[in-house]
Protein backbone atom coordinates (compact mmCIF):
# COMPACT_ATOMS: atom_id res chain seq x y z
CA MET A 1 16.65 -70.40 -63.61
CA THR A 2 16.29 -67.43 -65.69
CA GLU A 3 17.76 -66.79 -68.98
CA PRO A 4 19.78 -63.43 -68.79
CA GLU A 5 18.84 -60.56 -70.76
CA PRO A 6 20.46 -59.88 -74.53
CA PRO A 7 22.62 -56.76 -74.37
CA SER A 8 20.68 -53.51 -75.05
CA TYR A 9 22.05 -50.65 -77.12
CA ILE A 10 19.79 -48.26 -74.92
CA ASP A 11 22.13 -46.03 -72.63
CA TYR A 12 20.12 -46.49 -69.36
CA GLU A 13 22.85 -44.73 -67.14
CA SER A 14 22.31 -41.68 -69.40
CA PHE A 15 18.66 -41.77 -68.92
CA LEU A 16 18.75 -42.53 -65.23
CA ASP A 17 21.56 -40.03 -64.62
CA PRO A 18 19.56 -37.35 -61.93
CA SER A 19 21.03 -34.40 -64.08
CA PHE A 20 19.56 -35.88 -67.31
CA SER A 21 17.88 -33.37 -69.60
CA ALA A 22 15.64 -33.78 -72.45
CA VAL A 23 16.33 -30.66 -74.23
CA SER A 24 20.12 -31.26 -74.23
CA PHE A 25 19.28 -35.14 -75.30
CA ALA A 26 17.16 -33.86 -78.40
CA ASN A 27 19.65 -31.16 -79.12
CA SER A 28 22.41 -33.55 -79.47
CA LEU A 29 20.59 -35.98 -81.51
CA VAL A 30 19.26 -33.33 -83.96
CA LEU A 31 23.14 -32.27 -84.46
CA ALA A 32 24.24 -35.67 -84.81
CA THR A 33 21.74 -36.34 -87.64
CA ASN A 34 22.12 -32.75 -89.51
CA ASN A 35 24.53 -30.28 -90.44
CA PRO A 36 24.10 -27.24 -88.57
CA SER A 37 24.55 -24.95 -91.51
CA ASP A 38 21.60 -26.82 -93.75
CA THR A 39 18.26 -25.35 -93.90
CA PRO A 40 15.47 -26.45 -93.48
CA LEU A 41 16.69 -29.14 -90.74
CA ASP A 42 15.84 -32.67 -91.22
CA LEU A 43 13.99 -33.99 -87.93
CA THR A 44 12.56 -37.05 -89.39
CA THR A 45 16.16 -39.08 -88.64
CA PRO A 46 16.41 -37.90 -84.74
CA LEU A 47 12.56 -38.47 -84.25
CA SER A 48 12.81 -42.15 -85.88
CA ARG A 49 15.33 -42.38 -83.54
CA VAL A 50 13.44 -41.33 -80.33
CA LEU A 51 10.45 -43.85 -81.62
CA PHE A 52 12.68 -46.64 -81.84
CA ASP A 53 14.29 -46.33 -78.50
CA VAL A 54 10.43 -46.16 -77.04
CA GLN A 55 9.92 -49.43 -79.31
CA GLU A 56 12.82 -50.94 -77.44
CA ILE A 57 11.71 -50.13 -73.95
CA ASP A 58 8.08 -51.44 -74.65
CA THR A 59 9.35 -54.59 -75.94
CA HIS A 60 11.68 -54.82 -73.02
CA ILE A 61 8.91 -53.99 -70.44
CA HIS A 62 6.71 -56.87 -72.14
CA ASN A 63 9.53 -59.30 -71.88
CA LEU A 64 10.01 -58.67 -68.44
CA THR A 65 5.92 -59.00 -67.25
CA THR A 66 5.78 -61.82 -69.75
CA THR A 67 8.54 -63.44 -68.18
CA SER A 68 7.89 -62.38 -64.57
CA ALA A 69 4.27 -62.91 -64.70
CA LEU A 70 3.88 -65.98 -62.36
CA PRO A 71 6.09 -64.86 -59.62
CA LEU A 72 4.31 -61.81 -59.65
CA LEU A 73 0.93 -63.31 -59.06
CA ALA A 74 2.87 -65.74 -56.48
CA HIS A 75 3.83 -62.66 -54.67
CA THR A 76 0.94 -60.80 -54.76
CA GLY A 77 -1.49 -63.40 -53.61
CA GLU A 78 0.46 -64.06 -50.68
CA ALA A 79 0.91 -60.28 -49.57
CA ARG A 80 -3.13 -60.47 -50.03
CA ASP A 81 -3.04 -63.58 -47.59
CA ALA A 82 -0.93 -61.77 -45.00
CA SER A 83 -2.88 -58.37 -45.26
CA GLN A 84 -6.20 -60.74 -44.65
CA ARG A 85 -4.60 -62.62 -41.83
CA ILE A 86 -3.39 -59.17 -40.35
CA VAL A 87 -6.75 -57.47 -40.53
CA GLU A 88 -8.36 -60.51 -38.86
CA GLU A 89 -6.11 -60.28 -35.81
CA VAL A 90 -6.50 -56.41 -35.82
CA GLU A 91 -10.15 -56.78 -35.79
CA ALA A 92 -10.12 -59.10 -32.99
CA GLN A 93 -7.74 -56.66 -31.29
CA VAL A 94 -10.26 -53.96 -31.99
CA ALA A 95 -13.18 -55.73 -31.02
CA SER A 96 -11.22 -56.33 -27.41
CA LEU A 97 -10.02 -53.01 -27.24
CA THR A 98 -13.88 -51.63 -28.00
CA GLN A 99 -15.24 -53.99 -25.22
CA GLY A 100 -12.86 -52.90 -22.88
CA TYR A 101 -13.78 -49.15 -23.68
CA LYS A 102 -17.37 -49.88 -23.36
CA ARG A 103 -16.53 -51.35 -19.78
CA LEU A 104 -14.12 -48.52 -18.51
CA GLU A 105 -17.03 -45.68 -19.56
CA LYS A 106 -19.78 -47.80 -17.80
CA GLU A 107 -17.33 -48.32 -14.90
CA VAL A 108 -15.30 -45.05 -14.68
CA LEU A 109 -15.99 -42.53 -17.62
CA LEU A 110 -19.94 -42.24 -15.90
CA ARG A 111 -18.98 -42.78 -12.39
CA TRP A 112 -16.75 -40.01 -13.10
CA GLU A 113 -18.79 -37.33 -14.88
CA ALA A 114 -21.28 -38.03 -11.68
CA ALA A 115 -17.89 -37.07 -9.73
CA GLU A 116 -17.67 -34.07 -11.25
CA GLU A 117 -20.91 -32.56 -10.77
CA VAL A 118 -20.51 -33.65 -7.33
CA ARG A 119 -17.21 -32.13 -7.13
CA LEU A 120 -18.48 -28.89 -8.66
CA VAL A 121 -21.50 -28.72 -6.82
CA THR A 122 -19.32 -29.15 -3.60
CA GLU A 123 -16.99 -26.57 -4.73
CA ARG A 124 -19.77 -24.06 -5.07
CA LEU A 125 -20.93 -24.78 -1.91
CA TRP A 126 -17.89 -24.26 0.01
CA GLN A 127 -17.42 -21.05 -1.55
CA THR A 128 -21.04 -19.96 -0.75
CA VAL A 129 -19.77 -21.39 2.97
CA LYS A 130 -16.94 -19.33 2.99
CA VAL A 131 -18.57 -16.16 1.80
CA GLY A 132 -21.26 -16.85 4.53
CA ARG A 133 -18.53 -17.58 7.19
CA SER A 134 -16.87 -13.83 6.05
CA VAL A 135 -20.16 -11.75 5.70
CA GLY A 136 -21.08 -13.71 9.16
CA ARG A 137 -17.58 -12.52 10.47
CA CYS A 138 -18.30 -9.01 9.36
CA LEU A 139 -21.59 -9.20 10.87
CA LEU A 140 -20.30 -10.10 14.38
CA LEU A 141 -17.56 -7.46 13.88
CA GLY A 142 -20.00 -4.54 12.95
CA ARG A 143 -22.20 -5.49 15.89
CA GLN A 144 -18.97 -5.40 17.89
CA LEU A 145 -18.00 -2.06 16.65
CA GLU A 146 -21.33 -0.75 16.98
CA VAL A 147 -21.20 -1.73 21.18
CA GLN A 148 -17.93 -0.10 21.06
CA ILE A 149 -19.32 3.13 19.88
CA THR A 150 -21.98 2.83 22.67
CA GLU A 151 -19.56 2.51 25.06
CA PHE A 152 -17.81 5.85 24.57
CA GLY A 153 -20.72 7.53 23.36
CA GLY A 154 -20.18 8.05 19.63
CA LEU A 155 -22.85 8.50 16.90
CA GLY A 156 -25.02 9.82 19.41
CA SER A 157 -25.85 6.61 21.00
CA GLY A 158 -24.46 7.75 24.97
CA GLY A 159 -26.81 8.87 26.94
CA PRO A 160 -26.87 12.65 28.61
CA GLY A 161 -25.83 10.72 31.96
CA LYS A 162 -23.41 8.22 30.99
CA LYS A 163 -19.93 8.47 31.23
CA GLU A 164 -17.92 7.32 28.34
CA ASP A 165 -15.22 4.91 28.17
CA HIS A 166 -12.47 6.55 25.76
CA ARG A 167 -10.37 2.89 25.91
CA ALA A 168 -13.27 1.70 23.67
CA MET A 169 -11.92 3.82 20.83
CA VAL A 170 -8.93 1.64 20.99
CA ARG A 171 -10.98 -1.48 21.14
CA ALA A 172 -13.46 -0.01 18.17
CA SER A 173 -10.05 0.60 15.97
CA ASN A 174 -8.72 -2.77 16.39
CA THR A 175 -12.13 -3.69 15.03
CA LEU A 176 -11.95 -1.27 12.21
CA LEU A 177 -8.57 -2.95 11.37
CA ASN A 178 -9.87 -6.51 11.24
CA LEU A 179 -12.57 -5.39 9.10
CA ARG A 180 -10.26 -3.69 6.90
CA GLN A 181 -8.03 -6.60 6.75
CA ILE A 182 -10.99 -9.05 5.47
CA PHE A 183 -11.73 -6.42 2.86
CA SER A 184 -8.33 -6.02 1.52
CA ALA A 185 -8.00 -9.81 1.29
CA SER A 186 -10.25 -10.00 -1.72
CA GLY A 187 -7.88 -12.13 -4.25
CA GLU A 188 -9.04 -15.15 -5.03
CA GLY A 189 -8.90 -17.89 -2.30
CA GLU A 190 -8.98 -15.36 0.36
CA GLU A 191 -10.81 -14.72 3.09
CA GLY A 192 -12.78 -11.24 1.61
CA GLU A 193 -13.13 -12.85 -1.90
CA GLY A 194 -16.45 -12.09 -3.29
CA LEU A 195 -17.44 -9.75 -0.26
CA ASP A 196 -17.90 -6.88 -2.53
CA LYS A 197 -20.77 -8.30 -4.27
CA VAL A 198 -22.93 -8.88 -1.16
CA SER A 199 -25.33 -6.21 -0.54
CA VAL A 200 -25.63 -6.47 3.17
CA VAL A 201 -21.57 -6.30 3.20
CA ALA A 202 -22.05 -3.01 1.50
CA THR A 203 -24.67 -1.47 3.74
CA LEU A 204 -22.38 -2.67 6.26
CA ARG A 205 -19.70 -0.74 5.22
CA ASN A 206 -21.74 2.63 4.38
CA ASP A 207 -24.11 2.47 7.11
CA LEU A 208 -21.86 1.87 9.99
CA ILE A 209 -18.26 1.04 9.24
CA ASN A 210 -17.16 4.32 7.29
CA PRO A 211 -19.32 6.57 9.68
CA SER A 212 -17.76 4.86 12.48
CA GLU A 213 -14.28 5.18 11.57
CA GLN A 214 -14.94 9.01 10.93
CA ASN A 215 -16.69 9.50 14.02
CA ILE A 216 -13.70 7.43 15.75
CA ARG A 217 -11.26 9.53 14.29
CA ASN A 218 -12.80 13.35 14.88
CA LYS A 219 -13.42 12.08 18.53
CA ALA A 220 -9.96 11.29 18.93
CA GLN A 221 -8.81 14.64 16.85
CA GLN A 222 -10.89 16.48 19.38
CA ILE A 223 -9.11 14.74 21.96
CA VAL A 224 -6.03 15.74 20.98
CA ARG A 225 -6.86 19.48 20.15
CA GLU A 226 -8.07 19.88 24.02
CA PHE A 227 -4.89 18.34 25.56
CA SER A 228 -3.79 20.44 28.10
CA LEU A 229 -1.82 19.34 31.45
CA SER A 230 -0.40 22.67 32.19
CA SER A 231 -0.30 23.62 36.38
CA LEU A 232 -0.23 27.52 35.85
CA SER A 233 -2.86 29.13 36.79
CA ALA A 234 -3.96 32.84 35.31
CA SER A 235 -5.89 33.95 38.03
CA GLY A 236 -2.59 35.96 39.59
CA ALA A 237 -2.22 37.78 36.19
CA SER A 238 -4.20 41.08 35.43
CA ALA A 239 -7.28 40.79 33.84
CA ALA A 240 -7.68 39.92 30.14
CA SER A 241 -9.50 42.23 27.37
CA THR A 242 -12.69 41.43 25.74
CA GLY A 243 -10.36 40.73 22.63
CA THR A 244 -8.08 38.27 24.28
CA SER A 245 -11.33 36.43 25.69
CA ASN A 246 -12.69 36.38 21.90
CA LEU A 247 -9.47 34.89 21.02
CA GLN A 248 -9.31 32.12 23.34
CA GLN A 249 -12.28 30.58 21.67
CA GLN A 250 -10.24 29.47 18.93
CA GLN A 251 -7.07 28.39 21.27
CA PRO A 252 -6.11 25.32 22.75
CA PRO A 253 -7.19 25.09 26.30
CA VAL A 254 -5.10 26.77 28.82
CA ALA A 255 -5.33 25.79 32.76
CA THR A 256 -6.92 28.23 34.88
CA SER A 257 -6.80 26.47 37.90
CA PRO A 258 -4.34 23.64 39.17
CA SER A 259 -5.75 20.13 38.17
CA THR A 260 -6.27 17.20 40.66
CA TYR A 261 -4.18 14.16 40.40
CA VAL A 262 -7.50 12.18 39.18
CA GLN A 263 -7.92 14.88 36.50
CA THR A 264 -4.54 14.63 35.48
CA GLU A 265 -4.25 10.60 35.02
CA ASP A 266 -7.81 11.17 33.01
CA THR A 267 -6.46 13.60 30.79
CA LYS A 268 -3.61 11.37 30.23
CA SER A 269 -5.22 8.29 29.40
CA ARG A 270 -7.73 9.90 27.39
CA ALA A 271 -4.99 11.52 24.99
CA THR A 272 -3.05 8.01 25.20
CA SER A 273 -6.33 6.41 23.59
CA ALA A 274 -6.60 8.92 21.15
CA PHE A 275 -2.71 8.47 20.36
CA LEU A 276 -3.38 5.00 20.01
CA THR A 277 -6.90 5.11 17.85
CA LEU A 278 -4.65 7.79 15.15
CA TYR A 279 -1.83 5.18 15.44
CA LEU A 280 -4.12 2.26 14.28
CA LEU A 281 -6.51 3.96 11.89
CA SER A 282 -3.75 5.21 10.05
CA SER A 283 -2.72 4.28 6.54
CA THR A 284 -0.72 1.23 6.45
CA PRO A 285 1.21 2.16 2.96
CA THR A 286 4.95 2.16 4.14
CA VAL A 287 7.79 4.33 3.51
CA SER A 288 10.84 2.65 1.76
CA SER A 289 13.90 1.81 3.64
CA PRO A 290 16.50 4.24 3.84
CA GLU A 291 18.91 2.17 1.87
CA GLY A 292 16.65 1.92 -1.33
CA GLY A 293 16.16 -1.64 -1.00
CA SER A 294 13.26 -4.08 -1.09
CA GLY A 295 13.57 -4.67 2.86
CA PRO A 296 10.90 -3.62 5.33
CA GLY A 297 10.30 0.05 5.86
CA THR A 298 9.14 2.22 8.58
CA PHE A 299 5.58 2.68 9.24
CA ARG A 300 4.22 6.19 9.22
CA PRO A 301 1.18 7.06 11.44
CA ASP A 302 -0.16 9.84 9.04
CA LEU A 303 -3.64 10.66 11.09
CA LEU A 304 -1.48 10.72 14.24
CA ILE A 305 1.02 13.00 13.07
CA ALA A 306 -1.08 15.37 11.13
CA ALA A 307 -3.48 15.86 14.59
CA LEU A 308 -0.36 16.53 16.19
CA GLN A 309 0.95 18.93 14.14
CA ALA A 310 -2.15 20.74 13.94
CA TYR A 311 -2.07 20.91 17.93
CA LEU A 312 1.55 22.36 17.69
CA GLN A 313 0.64 24.78 14.79
CA THR A 314 -2.57 26.05 16.60
CA SER A 315 -0.40 26.65 20.16
CA LEU A 316 2.15 28.70 17.79
CA THR A 317 -0.64 30.69 16.04
CA SER A 318 -2.32 31.28 19.44
CA SER A 319 1.18 32.19 21.18
CA LEU A 320 1.88 34.47 18.50
CA ALA A 321 -1.04 36.42 18.17
CA ALA A 322 -1.27 36.42 22.36
CA LEU A 323 2.42 37.83 22.09
CA ALA A 324 1.71 40.28 19.50
CA ARG A 325 -1.19 41.91 20.94
CA ALA A 326 0.50 41.93 24.59
CA LEU A 327 3.45 43.66 22.87
CA SER A 328 1.03 46.29 21.81
CA SER A 329 -0.24 46.80 24.75
CA LEU A 330 2.28 46.06 27.74
CA PRO A 331 -0.16 45.54 30.54
CA THR A 332 -1.38 42.44 29.54
CA LEU A 333 1.75 40.96 28.65
CA ASP A 334 1.87 39.19 32.13
CA ARG A 335 -1.04 37.14 31.34
CA ALA A 336 0.06 36.44 27.80
CA LEU A 337 3.26 35.14 28.88
CA ILE A 338 1.85 32.76 31.30
CA GLU A 339 -0.53 31.82 28.51
CA VAL A 340 2.16 30.69 26.42
CA SER A 341 4.00 29.39 29.19
CA ALA A 342 1.19 27.02 29.26
CA ARG A 343 1.09 26.27 26.08
CA CYS A 344 4.76 25.15 26.13
CA GLN A 345 4.00 23.39 29.36
CA ASN A 346 1.25 21.18 27.60
CA ILE A 347 3.47 20.78 24.75
CA VAL A 348 6.62 19.34 27.55
CA ALA A 349 3.77 17.21 28.84
CA LEU A 350 2.46 16.00 25.11
CA GLU A 351 6.21 15.19 24.09
CA ALA A 352 6.65 13.20 27.50
CA LEU A 353 3.31 11.27 27.36
CA LEU A 354 4.09 10.12 23.34
CA GLU A 355 7.61 9.24 24.49
CA SER A 356 6.28 6.80 27.22
CA THR A 357 3.55 5.66 24.68
CA LYS A 358 4.33 2.35 22.95
CA PRO A 359 2.97 1.67 19.25
CA PRO A 360 0.07 -0.95 20.28
CA PRO A 361 0.32 -4.54 17.99
CA HIS A 362 -0.85 -3.64 14.37
CA PRO A 363 -2.60 -6.26 12.82
CA LEU A 364 -2.06 -5.21 9.01
CA LEU A 365 2.12 -4.94 10.10
CA SER A 366 2.34 -8.41 11.57
CA PRO A 367 5.05 -10.50 10.36
CA GLY A 368 2.64 -12.82 8.96
CA ASN A 369 1.38 -10.10 6.47
CA SER A 370 2.59 -8.87 2.96
CA ASN A 371 2.78 -5.61 4.34
CA GLN A 372 5.83 -6.11 6.73
CA SER A 373 6.93 -2.88 8.81
CA THR A 374 9.00 -1.92 11.39
CA PRO A 375 7.29 -0.01 14.23
CA PRO A 376 8.90 2.76 15.35
CA PRO A 377 10.05 2.56 19.54
CA ASN A 378 7.36 4.96 20.59
CA LEU A 379 4.84 7.41 19.28
CA LEU A 380 7.42 10.31 19.76
CA ASN A 381 9.99 9.45 16.96
CA PRO A 382 7.50 9.75 13.98
CA LEU A 383 6.35 13.37 15.15
CA LEU A 384 10.14 14.54 15.82
CA GLN A 385 10.82 13.01 12.13
CA SER A 386 8.14 14.89 10.49
CA LEU A 387 9.38 18.11 12.04
CA ASP A 388 12.82 17.59 11.55
CA THR A 389 13.64 18.12 15.48
CA THR A 390 15.12 16.53 18.59
CA SER A 391 12.42 18.21 20.97
CA LEU A 392 8.89 19.63 20.83
CA PRO A 393 9.54 22.59 23.22
CA SER A 394 12.51 23.86 21.15
CA HIS A 395 10.65 23.82 17.72
CA PHE A 396 7.88 25.59 19.63
CA TRP A 397 10.09 28.55 20.81
CA ARG A 398 12.30 28.68 17.73
CA SER A 399 9.08 28.73 15.35
CA LEU A 400 7.58 31.26 17.67
CA ALA A 401 10.48 33.33 17.64
CA SER A 402 10.95 33.38 13.95
CA SER A 403 7.59 34.34 13.63
CA LEU A 404 7.54 36.72 16.26
CA ALA A 405 10.68 39.21 14.96
CA PRO A 406 8.22 40.46 12.09
CA ARG A 407 5.24 41.20 14.26
CA VAL A 408 7.81 43.52 16.79
CA THR A 409 8.83 45.33 13.98
CA ASP A 410 5.79 46.07 12.71
CA ILE A 411 4.64 47.27 15.88
CA LEU A 412 8.03 49.42 15.96
CA ASN A 413 7.77 50.72 12.49
CA LYS A 414 3.94 51.66 13.16
CA GLY A 415 5.46 54.16 16.01
CA GLY A 416 3.11 55.55 18.36
CA VAL A 417 2.64 55.14 22.25
CA ALA A 418 2.71 51.18 21.69
CA ALA A 419 6.37 51.60 20.06
CA ARG A 420 7.96 54.14 22.74
CA THR A 421 6.39 52.07 25.82
CA LEU A 422 7.94 49.00 24.36
CA ARG A 423 11.31 50.54 24.05
CA THR A 424 11.20 51.99 27.87
CA ASN A 425 10.28 48.67 29.21
CA ARG A 426 12.91 46.70 27.15
CA ASP A 427 14.49 45.29 30.37
CA ARG A 428 11.29 44.29 31.50
CA VAL A 429 10.31 42.47 28.52
CA ARG A 430 13.42 40.60 28.36
CA ASP A 431 12.86 39.52 32.15
CA GLY A 432 9.52 38.58 31.55
CA ILE A 433 10.38 36.41 28.24
CA ARG A 434 12.83 34.60 29.82
CA GLU A 435 11.36 33.83 32.86
CA CYS A 436 8.33 32.74 30.13
CA VAL A 437 10.61 30.22 28.54
CA VAL A 438 11.76 28.68 31.28
CA ARG A 439 8.59 28.43 33.29
CA GLY A 440 7.12 26.81 30.20
CA SER A 441 9.91 24.52 29.41
CA GLN A 442 9.36 22.51 32.63
CA ALA A 443 6.88 19.69 33.05
CA PRO A 444 3.82 20.63 34.64
CA GLY A 445 3.92 20.22 38.43
CA ARG A 446 7.80 21.23 38.36
CA THR A 447 7.00 25.22 38.79
CA GLY A 448 6.04 25.30 42.23
CA LYS A 449 7.57 27.91 44.40
CA GLY A 450 9.44 25.43 46.76
CA ARG A 451 11.64 24.45 43.92
CA ALA A 452 15.42 24.76 45.04
CA ALA A 453 17.49 27.53 43.40
CA THR A 454 19.89 25.21 41.75
CA LYS A 455 16.83 22.96 40.21
CA LYS A 456 15.86 26.46 38.52
CA ASP A 457 19.30 27.60 37.66
CA ASP A 458 19.49 24.02 36.07
CA ALA A 459 16.23 24.40 33.99
CA VAL A 460 17.86 27.98 33.01
CA GLY A 461 20.84 26.44 31.66
CA SER A 462 19.17 23.60 30.14
CA TRP A 463 16.88 25.88 27.61
CA GLU A 464 19.76 28.87 27.42
CA ARG A 465 19.48 28.70 23.72
CA GLU A 466 15.89 28.70 23.66
CA VAL A 467 15.74 31.92 26.06
CA GLY A 468 18.61 33.35 23.68
CA VAL A 469 16.53 33.08 20.72
CA MET A 470 13.06 34.55 21.98
CA VAL A 471 15.01 37.78 23.58
CA GLY A 472 16.82 38.36 20.57
CA ALA A 473 13.41 37.68 18.67
CA VAL A 474 12.15 40.78 20.76
CA VAL A 475 14.63 42.74 22.69
CA GLY A 476 16.85 42.04 19.66
CA THR A 477 14.65 43.73 17.11
CA ILE A 478 13.65 46.84 19.65
CA GLY A 479 17.49 47.75 20.11
CA ARG A 480 18.09 47.76 16.22
């Protein structure tokens, strides 16, 4: 057994205390061996005390190491032997792992690298094939569009004796929408990804698609501008002056002879095709829902609305000019009133045709598309909403009356023969305007002399407000 260690006078607990301070300990030694009032201080005694303590600790360490040398050596040897055995075992495991890694590298990593190269090549080939398919579809649709344009005589492709097929405009519009859908799907993984970098597609868009779309749009707008179904004939009115014939060159066509049934149906069919074409080619952004929520909005066919508004505005401008000129020269009033009635009949026919035409399916507004929208029930509703009215003929008469009153005032203010004649024939003007409104507010084909008197009275009653507005704009201004 190990002999017990002799007691030591060194206070190890003070030295091992975490709060031990060497400065405080030295200060206490100096104060214990000197009088604070002595000068100079004797530092030999406290220094000897510290050196003696150090020597005591050194002796104690020497005794401990001498007594425990053999156990320490034995413990160190055992630790070394254990470490050697651990190292040998670890080296064996490391060698096994190294061998396994080499086998995995040969069987897995090398094959994975080869497979990764194949995957990369396959992915790029698939992207190439996808772009090729998209380019092929664009070229196919472009060829289809070219044929459809030829069918209705666009871009100068139709011969002089070839009859155009106006329904080809609608088919060409659907083809343009399919192309527009491909070009708009340019996100990652979508059908149109990378098409903007293909030169043949850029050439197709610049040389065929864009000119074709513009040509179809112009053709449809021309058909809308030339729309006329009025059954009124101007042959019974007095001859027009030279100024009247010059003005008519810039006005919507007014029927000079009754149209046959075939001509009427052909005009309706052409106009319907033009309406559908402008509807399809309109821009696809939607108007937000009335509640301000995130639900689907209402599609607004801006091209169709713009063309129809231009038609109405042209009819208003032409009618206003004809009436203002006729009121200055009353012998031409009958013909001017027939022309105005004919234009309003065209608007009545236009309203009926728009109301009976349902909007076609729009590829970009389908339920599966992100741009969901609620299509209108017919093509008339968007136009009425844009004009903030419930009836196109009513809008025509009221707008014409609001613009006509200042013209009548100008004629009266200028005085002369025109003003005196206008005041003298006030009753005739009132009756003519009344008949003009009633006649023009009827659908084409319903103004024949064989109509019953009750039907005529019903027509007058249904448009009594418009009659009053027009009569008030002219006769009311004369009577002031």
